[in-house]
PDB file of N, CA and C in Angstrom:
ATOM      1  N   UNK A   1       3.970 -20.301  10.649  1.00  0.00           N
ATOM      2  CA  UNK A   1       3.328 -18.937  10.083  1.00  0.00           C
ATOM      3  C   UNK A   1       1.899 -19.608   9.817  1.00  0.00           C
ATOM      4  N   UNK A   2       0.886 -18.755  10.234  1.00  0.00           N
ATOM      5  CA  UNK A   2      -0.612 -19.058   9.790  1.00  0.00           C
ATOM      6  C   UNK A   2      -0.979 -18.622   8.531  1.00  0.00           C
ATOM      7  N   UNK A   3      -1.640 -19.024   7.804  1.00  0.00           N
ATOM      8  CA  UNK A   3      -2.105 -18.822   6.393  1.00  0.00           C
ATOM      9  C   UNK A   3      -3.119 -17.770   6.355  1.00  0.00           C
ATOM     10  N   UNK A   4      -3.019 -16.653   5.368  1.00  0.00           N
ATOM     11  CA  UNK A   4      -3.818 -15.609   5.618  1.00  0.00           C
ATOM     12  C   UNK A   4      -5.290 -15.884   4.894  1.00  0.00           C
ATOM     13  N   UNK A   5      -6.113 -15.367   5.373  1.00  0.00           N
ATOM     14  CA  UNK A   5      -7.475 -15.526   4.784  1.00  0.00           C
ATOM     15  C   UNK A   5      -7.512 -15.026   3.307  1.00  0.00           C
ATOM     16  N   UNK A   6      -8.486 -15.606   2.585  1.00  0.00           N
ATOM     17  CA  UNK A   6      -8.216 -15.061   0.989  1.00  0.00           C
ATOM     18  C   UNK A   6      -8.930 -13.574   1.001  1.00  0.00           C
ATOM     19  N   UNK A   7      -9.596 -12.885   1.747  1.00  0.00           N
ATOM     20  CA  UNK A   7     -10.161 -11.636   1.625  1.00  0.00           C
ATOM     21  C   UNK A   7      -8.674 -10.699   2.096  1.00  0.00           C
ATOM     22  N   UNK A   8      -7.790 -11.031   2.934  1.00  0.00           N
ATOM     23  CA  UNK A   8      -7.051 -10.415   3.560  1.00  0.00           C
ATOM     24  C   UNK A   8      -5.616 -10.516   2.174  1.00  0.00           C
ATOM     25  N   UNK A   9      -5.564 -11.459   1.562  1.00  0.00           N
ATOM     26  CA  UNK A   9      -4.704 -11.650   0.561  1.00  0.00           C
ATOM     27  C   UNK A   9      -5.320 -10.907  -0.678  1.00  0.00           C
ATOM     28  N   UNK A  10      -6.514 -10.681  -0.808  1.00  0.00           N
ATOM     29  CA  UNK A  10      -7.134  -9.872  -2.106  1.00  0.00           C
ATOM     30  C   UNK A  10      -6.620  -8.429  -1.765  1.00  0.00           C
ATOM     31  N   UNK A  11      -6.925  -8.092  -0.639  1.00  0.00           N
ATOM     32  CA  UNK A  11      -6.719  -6.555  -0.077  1.00  0.00           C
ATOM     33  C   UNK A  11      -5.366  -6.326  -0.240  1.00  0.00           C
ATOM     34  N   UNK A  12      -4.429  -7.210   0.300  1.00  0.00           N
ATOM     35  CA  UNK A  12      -2.811  -6.860   0.265  1.00  0.00           C
ATOM     36  C   UNK A  12      -2.666  -6.702  -1.108  1.00  0.00           C
ATOM     37  N   UNK A  13      -2.983  -7.676  -2.192  1.00  0.00           N
ATOM     38  CA  UNK A  13      -2.598  -7.654  -3.669  1.00  0.00           C
ATOM     39  C   UNK A  13      -3.000  -6.217  -4.029  1.00  0.00           C
ATOM     40  N   UNK A  14      -4.109  -5.652  -3.735  1.00  0.00           N
ATOM     41  CA  UNK A  14      -4.779  -4.382  -4.272  1.00  0.00           C
ATOM     42  C   UNK A  14      -3.995  -3.050  -3.763  1.00  0.00           C
ATOM     43  N   UNK A  15      -3.332  -3.455  -2.405  1.00  0.00           N
ATOM     44  CA  UNK A  15      -2.717  -2.184  -1.799  1.00  0.00           C
ATOM     45  C   UNK A  15      -1.225  -2.194  -2.487  1.00  0.00           C
ATOM     46  N   UNK A  16      -0.711  -3.592  -2.820  1.00  0.00           N
ATOM     47  CA  UNK A  16       0.554  -3.545  -3.450  1.00  0.00           C
ATOM     48  C   UNK A  16       0.728  -2.977  -4.864  1.00  0.00           C
ATOM     49  N   UNK A  17      -0.571  -3.417  -5.544  1.00  0.00           N
ATOM     50  CA  UNK A  17      -0.620  -2.918  -6.634  1.00  0.00           C
ATOM     51  C   UNK A  17      -0.792  -1.364  -6.868  1.00  0.00           C
ATOM     52  N   UNK A  18      -1.444  -0.794  -5.994  1.00  0.00           N
ATOM     53  CA  UNK A  18      -1.748   0.824  -5.785  1.00  0.00           C
ATOM     54  C   UNK A  18      -0.408   1.452  -5.484  1.00  0.00           C
ATOM     55  N   UNK A  19       0.385   0.776  -4.576  1.00  0.00           N
ATOM     56  CA  UNK A  19       1.673   1.384  -4.061  1.00  0.00           C
ATOM     57  C   UNK A  19       2.730   1.283  -5.258  1.00  0.00           C
ATOM     58  N   UNK A  20       2.615   0.285  -6.303  1.00  0.00           N
ATOM     59  CA  UNK A  20       3.451   0.248  -7.251  1.00  0.00           C
ATOM     60  C   UNK A  20       3.117   1.358  -8.311  1.00  0.00           C
ATOM     61  N   UNK A  21       1.620   1.628  -8.257  1.00  0.00           N
ATOM     62  CA  UNK A  21       1.074   2.721  -9.323  1.00  0.00           C
ATOM     63  C   UNK A  21       1.662   4.020  -8.870  1.00  0.00           C
ATOM     64  N   UNK A  22       1.375   4.180  -7.336  1.00  0.00           N
ATOM     65  CA  UNK A  22       2.078   5.674  -6.964  1.00  0.00           C
ATOM     66  C   UNK A  22       3.319   5.715  -7.322  1.00  0.00           C
ATOM     67  N   UNK A  23       4.424   5.004  -7.081  1.00  0.00           N
ATOM     68  CA  UNK A  23       5.625   4.788  -7.304  1.00  0.00           C
ATOM     69  C   UNK A  23       6.028   5.091  -8.536  1.00  0.00           C
ATOM     70  N   UNK A  24       5.323   4.509  -9.525  1.00  0.00           N
ATOM     71  CA  UNK A  24       5.453   4.898 -11.008  1.00  0.00           C
ATOM     72  C   UNK A  24       5.111   6.208 -11.227  1.00  0.00           C
ATOM     73  N   UNK A  25       4.130   6.728 -10.794  1.00  0.00           N
ATOM     74  CA  UNK A  25       3.923   8.085 -11.218  1.00  0.00           C
ATOM     75  C   UNK A  25       4.930   9.227 -10.418  1.00  0.00           C
ATOM     76  N   UNK A  26       5.083   8.764  -9.090  1.00  0.00           N
ATOM     77  CA  UNK A  26       6.051   9.786  -8.270  1.00  0.00           C
ATOM     78  C   UNK A  26       7.352   8.793  -7.710  1.00  0.00           C
ATOM     79  N   UNK A  27       8.197   8.801  -8.730  1.00  0.00           N
ATOM     80  CA  UNK A  27       9.552   7.635  -8.211  1.00  0.00           C
ATOM     81  C   UNK A  27      10.310   8.023  -6.901  1.00  0.00           C
ATOM     82  N   UNK A  28      10.215   9.358  -6.741  1.00  0.00           N
ATOM     83  CA  UNK A  28      11.125  10.294  -5.495  1.00  0.00           C
ATOM     84  C   UNK A  28      10.386  10.327  -4.193  1.00  0.00           C
ATOM     85  N   UNK A  29       8.958   9.575  -4.249  1.00  0.00           N
ATOM     86  CA  UNK A  29       8.212   9.864  -2.923  1.00  0.00           C
ATOM     87  C   UNK A  29       8.719   8.593  -2.265  1.00  0.00           C
ATOM     88  N   UNK A  30       8.818   8.925  -0.594  1.00  0.00           N
ATOM     89  CA  UNK A  30       9.229   8.014   0.199  1.00  0.00           C
ATOM     90  C   UNK A  30       7.965   7.219   0.600  1.00  0.00           C
ATOM     91  N   UNK A  31       8.407   6.374   1.802  1.00  0.00           N
ATOM     92  CA  UNK A  31       7.221   5.688   2.186  1.00  0.00           C
ATOM     93  C   UNK A  31       6.322   6.441   2.845  1.00  0.00           C
ATOM     94  N   UNK A  32       6.632   7.419   3.464  1.00  0.00           N
ATOM     95  CA  UNK A  32       5.672   8.399   4.388  1.00  0.00           C
ATOM     96  C   UNK A  32       4.806   9.172   3.429  1.00  0.00           C
ATOM     97  N   UNK A  33       5.318   9.702   2.340  1.00  0.00           N
ATOM     98  CA  UNK A  33       4.312  10.232   1.405  1.00  0.00           C
ATOM     99  C   UNK A  33       3.440   9.292   0.604  1.00  0.00           C
ATOM    100  N   UNK A  34       3.941   8.084   0.205  1.00  0.00           N
ATOM    101  CA  UNK A  34       3.090   7.175  -0.443  1.00  0.00           C
ATOM    102  C   UNK A  34       1.926   6.762   0.618  1.00  0.00           C
ATOM    103  N   UNK A  35       2.156   6.425   2.074  1.00  0.00           N
ATOM    104  CA  UNK A  35       1.240   5.946   3.029  1.00  0.00           C
ATOM    105  C   UNK A  35       0.203   7.063   3.199  1.00  0.00           C
ATOM    106  N   UNK A  36       0.721   8.505   3.105  1.00  0.00           N
ATOM    107  CA  UNK A  36      -0.399   9.560   3.251  1.00  0.00           C
ATOM    108  C   UNK A  36      -1.111   9.715   2.025  1.00  0.00           C
ATOM    109  N   UNK A  37      -0.751   9.292   0.672  1.00  0.00           N
ATOM    110  CA  UNK A  37      -1.585   9.382  -0.340  1.00  0.00           C
ATOM    111  C   UNK A  37      -2.599   8.314  -0.106  1.00  0.00           C
ATOM    112  N   UNK A  38      -2.060   7.185   0.181  1.00  0.00           N
ATOM    113  CA  UNK A  38      -3.060   5.913   0.545  1.00  0.00           C
ATOM    114  C   UNK A  38      -4.201   6.473   1.329  1.00  0.00           C
ATOM    115  N   UNK A  39      -3.693   7.143   2.635  1.00  0.00           N
ATOM    116  CA  UNK A  39      -4.490   7.049   3.787  1.00  0.00           C
ATOM    117  C   UNK A  39      -5.399   8.254   3.459  1.00  0.00           C
ATOM    118  N   UNK A  40      -4.818   9.556   2.926  1.00  0.00           N
ATOM    119  CA  UNK A  40      -5.995  10.797   2.647  1.00  0.00           C
ATOM    120  C   UNK A  40      -6.518  10.902   1.245  1.00  0.00           C
ATOM    121  N   UNK A  41      -5.784  10.442  -0.053  1.00  0.00           N
ATOM    122  CA  UNK A  41      -6.481  10.545  -1.160  1.00  0.00           C
ATOM    123  C   UNK A  41      -7.270   9.265  -1.437  1.00  0.00           C
ATOM    124  N   UNK A  42      -6.687   8.421  -1.200  1.00  0.00           N
ATOM    125  CA  UNK A  42      -7.349   6.910  -1.305  1.00  0.00           C
ATOM    126  C   UNK A  42      -8.311   6.472  -0.373  1.00  0.00           C
ATOM    127  N   UNK A  43      -8.142   6.868   0.720  1.00  0.00           N
ATOM    128  CA  UNK A  43      -9.001   6.481   2.045  1.00  0.00           C
ATOM    129  C   UNK A  43      -8.900   5.215   2.367  1.00  0.00           C
ATOM    130  N   UNK A  44      -7.562   4.602   2.135  1.00  0.00           N
ATOM    131  CA  UNK A  44      -7.324   3.402   2.626  1.00  0.00           C
ATOM    132  C   UNK A  44      -6.544   3.116   4.139  1.00  0.00           C
ATOM    133  N   UNK A  45      -6.986   2.510   4.992  1.00  0.00           N
ATOM    134  CA  UNK A  45      -6.243   2.379   6.188  1.00  0.00           C
ATOM    135  C   UNK A  45      -5.205   1.457   5.809  1.00  0.00           C
ATOM    136  N   UNK A  46      -4.026   1.892   6.019  1.00  0.00           N
ATOM    137  CA  UNK A  46      -2.798   0.952   5.852  1.00  0.00           C
ATOM    138  C   UNK A  46      -1.729   1.303   6.851  1.00  0.00           C
ATOM    139  N   UNK A  47      -1.217   0.191   7.263  1.00  0.00           N
ATOM    140  CA  UNK A  47      -0.094   0.264   8.144  1.00  0.00           C
ATOM    141  C   UNK A  47       0.939   0.752   7.362  1.00  0.00           C
ATOM    142  N   UNK A  48       2.015   1.528   8.011  1.00  0.00           N
ATOM    143  CA  UNK A  48       3.277   1.951   7.452  1.00  0.00           C
ATOM    144  C   UNK A  48       4.049   0.841   6.941  1.00  0.00           C
ATOM    145  N   UNK A  49       3.953  -0.349   7.721  1.00  0.00           N
ATOM    146  CA  UNK A  49       4.796  -1.319   7.736  1.00  0.00           C
ATOM    147  C   UNK A  49       4.460  -2.145   6.429  1.00  0.00           C
ATOM    148  N   UNK A  50       3.344  -2.186   5.650  1.00  0.00           N
ATOM    149  CA  UNK A  50       2.947  -2.720   4.561  1.00  0.00           C
ATOM    150  C   UNK A  50       4.207  -2.385   3.448  1.00  0.00           C
ATOM    151  N   UNK A  51       4.479  -1.154   3.275  1.00  0.00           N
ATOM    152  CA  UNK A  51       5.233  -0.490   2.283  1.00  0.00           C
ATOM    153  C   UNK A  51       6.792  -0.783   2.521  1.00  0.00           C
ATOM    154  N   UNK A  52       7.559  -1.755   1.715  1.00  0.00           N
ATOM    155  CA  UNK A  52       8.879  -2.112   1.944  1.00  0.00           C
ATOM    156  C   UNK A  52       9.670  -1.315   1.058  1.00  0.00           C
ATOM    157  N   UNK A  53       9.339  -0.875  -0.189  1.00  0.00           N
ATOM    158  CA  UNK A  53      10.095   0.085  -0.866  1.00  0.00           C
ATOM    159  C   UNK A  53      10.338   0.111  -2.293  1.00  0.00           C
TER     160      UNK A  53
END
């Protein structure tokens, strides 16, 4: 497995923290709604596979 670049690692950490914050505020939202929130409210381009649960 290749090592990720530092900038990709930082971006992933930010996205995962943001997902945890959204799930804390909205515990019953699924991955589709969390993805839509990130995409349309936060303006982040995120693959749906980033979110694991």
